[in-house]
């Protein structure tokens, strides 16, 4: 009797594993759709502006670090940051 119980459990686990492998693409698609509902993707314009801001902040940070040792280079970096 105990052997039959283990055999049934093993059989059920095998069926469950087969279904999981078979429906994996569907499950991944559903998870991605749910993620897009919860956190929509930014538009191209938003991503571009965020990257530009990150670049400007990086240039200003570099200019601040170089202000005492190389003031001309710091001024050039600030000029580049203003144009970005």
C-alpha atoms as a PDB file:
ATOM      1  CA  UNK A   1       0.000   0.000   0.000  1.00  0.00           C
ATOM      2  CA  UNK A   2       2.749   2.459   0.874  1.00  0.00           C
ATOM      3  CA  UNK A   3       4.471   1.648  -2.406  1.00  0.00           C
ATOM      4  CA  UNK A   4       1.302   2.552  -4.339  1.00  0.00           C
ATOM      5  CA  UNK A   5       1.053   5.878  -2.508  1.00  0.00           C
ATOM      6  CA  UNK A   6       4.630   6.749  -3.433  1.00  0.00           C
ATOM      7  CA  UNK A   7       4.027   5.613  -6.991  1.00  0.00           C
ATOM      8  CA  UNK A   8       0.953   7.846  -7.289  1.00  0.00           C
ATOM      9  CA  UNK A   9       2.858  10.806  -5.866  1.00  0.00           C
ATOM     10  CA  UNK A  10       5.721  10.202  -8.281  1.00  0.00           C
ATOM     11  CA  UNK A  11       3.288   9.902 -11.186  1.00  0.00           C
ATOM     12  CA  UNK A  12       1.532  13.143 -10.186  1.00  0.00           C
ATOM     13  CA  UNK A  13       4.866  14.911  -9.889  1.00  0.00           C
ATOM     14  CA  UNK A  14       5.841  13.663 -13.349  1.00  0.00           C
ATOM     15  CA  UNK A  15       2.625  14.971 -14.863  1.00  0.00           C
ATOM     16  CA  UNK A  16       3.084  18.307 -13.101  1.00  0.00           C
ATOM     17  CA  UNK A  17       6.685  18.595 -14.332  1.00  0.00           C
ATOM     18  CA  UNK A  18       5.604  17.769 -17.889  1.00  0.00           C
ATOM     19  CA  UNK A  19       2.904  20.430 -17.804  1.00  0.00           C
ATOM     20  CA  UNK A  20       5.349  22.960 -16.375  1.00  0.00           C
ATOM     21  CA  UNK A  21       7.814  22.322 -19.188  1.00  0.00           C
ATOM     22  CA  UNK A  22       5.085  22.347 -21.818  1.00  0.00           C
ATOM     23  CA  UNK A  23       3.482  25.582 -20.685  1.00  0.00           C
ATOM     24  CA  UNK A  24       6.681  27.415 -19.756  1.00  0.00           C
ATOM     25  CA  UNK A  25       6.520  29.848 -22.721  1.00  0.00           C
ATOM     26  CA  UNK A  26       2.921  30.687 -21.855  1.00  0.00           C
ATOM     27  CA  UNK A  27       3.796  31.255 -18.207  1.00  0.00           C
ATOM     28  CA  UNK A  28       6.739  33.485 -19.129  1.00  0.00           C
ATOM     29  CA  UNK A  29       4.529  35.509 -21.468  1.00  0.00           C
ATOM     30  CA  UNK A  30       1.903  35.966 -18.780  1.00  0.00           C
ATOM     31  CA  UNK A  31       4.529  37.062 -16.265  1.00  0.00           C
ATOM     32  CA  UNK A  32       5.970  39.597 -18.714  1.00  0.00           C
ATOM     33  CA  UNK A  33       2.498  40.955 -19.464  1.00  0.00           C
ATOM     34  CA  UNK A  34       1.796  41.303 -15.746  1.00  0.00           C
ATOM     35  CA  UNK A  35       5.110  43.095 -15.293  1.00  0.00           C
ATOM     36  CA  UNK A  36       4.236  45.552 -18.063  1.00  0.00           C
ATOM     37  CA  UNK A  37       0.894  46.244 -16.396  1.00  0.00           C
ATOM     38  CA  UNK A  38       2.549  46.922 -13.044  1.00  0.00           C
ATOM     39  CA  UNK A  39       5.560  48.826 -14.378  1.00  0.00           C
ATOM     40  CA  UNK A  40       5.093  50.174 -17.917  1.00  0.00           C
ATOM     41  CA  UNK A  41       8.141  50.618 -20.088  1.00  0.00           C
ATOM     42  CA  UNK A  42       9.429  54.145 -20.495  1.00  0.00           C
ATOM     43  CA  UNK A  43       9.126  55.803 -23.880  1.00  0.00           C
ATOM     44  CA  UNK A  44      12.156  56.360 -26.086  1.00  0.00           C
ATOM     45  CA  UNK A  45      12.093  60.072 -25.282  1.00  0.00           C
ATOM     46  CA  UNK A  46      12.088  59.422 -21.531  1.00  0.00           C
ATOM     47  CA  UNK A  47      14.989  56.978 -21.794  1.00  0.00           C
ATOM     48  CA  UNK A  48      16.975  59.404 -23.951  1.00  0.00           C
ATOM     49  CA  UNK A  49      16.415  62.309 -21.586  1.00  0.00           C
ATOM     50  CA  UNK A  50      17.365  60.154 -18.583  1.00  0.00           C
ATOM     51  CA  UNK A  51      20.591  59.082 -20.310  1.00  0.00           C
ATOM     52  CA  UNK A  52      21.391  62.695 -21.230  1.00  0.00           C
ATOM     53  CA  UNK A  53      20.854  63.802 -17.642  1.00  0.00           C
ATOM     54  CA  UNK A  54      23.086  60.995 -16.419  1.00  0.00           C
ATOM     55  CA  UNK A  55      25.807  62.130 -18.837  1.00  0.00           C
ATOM     56  CA  UNK A  56      25.526  65.759 -17.744  1.00  0.00           C
ATOM     57  CA  UNK A  57      25.742  64.763 -14.093  1.00  0.00           C
ATOM     58  CA  UNK A  58      28.774  62.599 -14.820  1.00  0.00           C
ATOM     59  CA  UNK A  59      30.547  65.438 -16.656  1.00  0.00           C
ATOM     60  CA  UNK A  60      29.805  67.874 -13.837  1.00  0.00           C
ATOM     61  CA  UNK A  61      31.080  65.370 -11.300  1.00  0.00           C
ATOM     62  CA  UNK A  62      34.306  64.933 -13.255  1.00  0.00           C
ATOM     63  CA  UNK A  63      34.663  68.714 -13.536  1.00  0.00           C
ATOM     64  CA  UNK A  64      34.259  69.106  -9.785  1.00  0.00           C
ATOM     65  CA  UNK A  65      36.956  66.497  -9.147  1.00  0.00           C
ATOM     66  CA  UNK A  66      39.384  68.191 -11.547  1.00  0.00           C
ATOM     67  CA  UNK A  67      38.667  71.781 -10.475  1.00  0.00           C
ATOM     68  CA  UNK A  68      41.728  72.115  -8.237  1.00  0.00           C
ATOM     69  CA  UNK A  69      44.272  70.212 -10.335  1.00  0.00           C
ATOM     70  CA  UNK A  70      43.213  71.078 -13.895  1.00  0.00           C
ATOM     71  CA  UNK A  71      40.872  74.080 -13.998  1.00  0.00           C
ATOM     72  CA  UNK A  72      40.982  74.411 -17.794  1.00  0.00           C
ATOM     73  CA  UNK A  73      39.875  70.812 -18.269  1.00  0.00           C
ATOM     74  CA  UNK A  74      37.138  71.314 -15.678  1.00  0.00           C
ATOM     75  CA  UNK A  75      35.884  74.334 -17.621  1.00  0.00           C
ATOM     76  CA  UNK A  76      35.873  72.298 -20.837  1.00  0.00           C
ATOM     77  CA  UNK A  77      33.901  69.525 -19.152  1.00  0.00           C
ATOM     78  CA  UNK A  78      31.352  72.030 -17.857  1.00  0.00           C
ATOM     79  CA  UNK A  79      31.059  73.477 -21.352  1.00  0.00           C
ATOM     80  CA  UNK A  80      30.379  70.009 -22.748  1.00  0.00           C
ATOM     81  CA  UNK A  81      27.818  69.400 -20.016  1.00  0.00           C
ATOM     82  CA  UNK A  82      25.987  72.607 -20.925  1.00  0.00           C
ATOM     83  CA  UNK A  83      25.706  71.551 -24.567  1.00  0.00           C
ATOM     84  CA  UNK A  84      24.382  68.083 -23.812  1.00  0.00           C
END
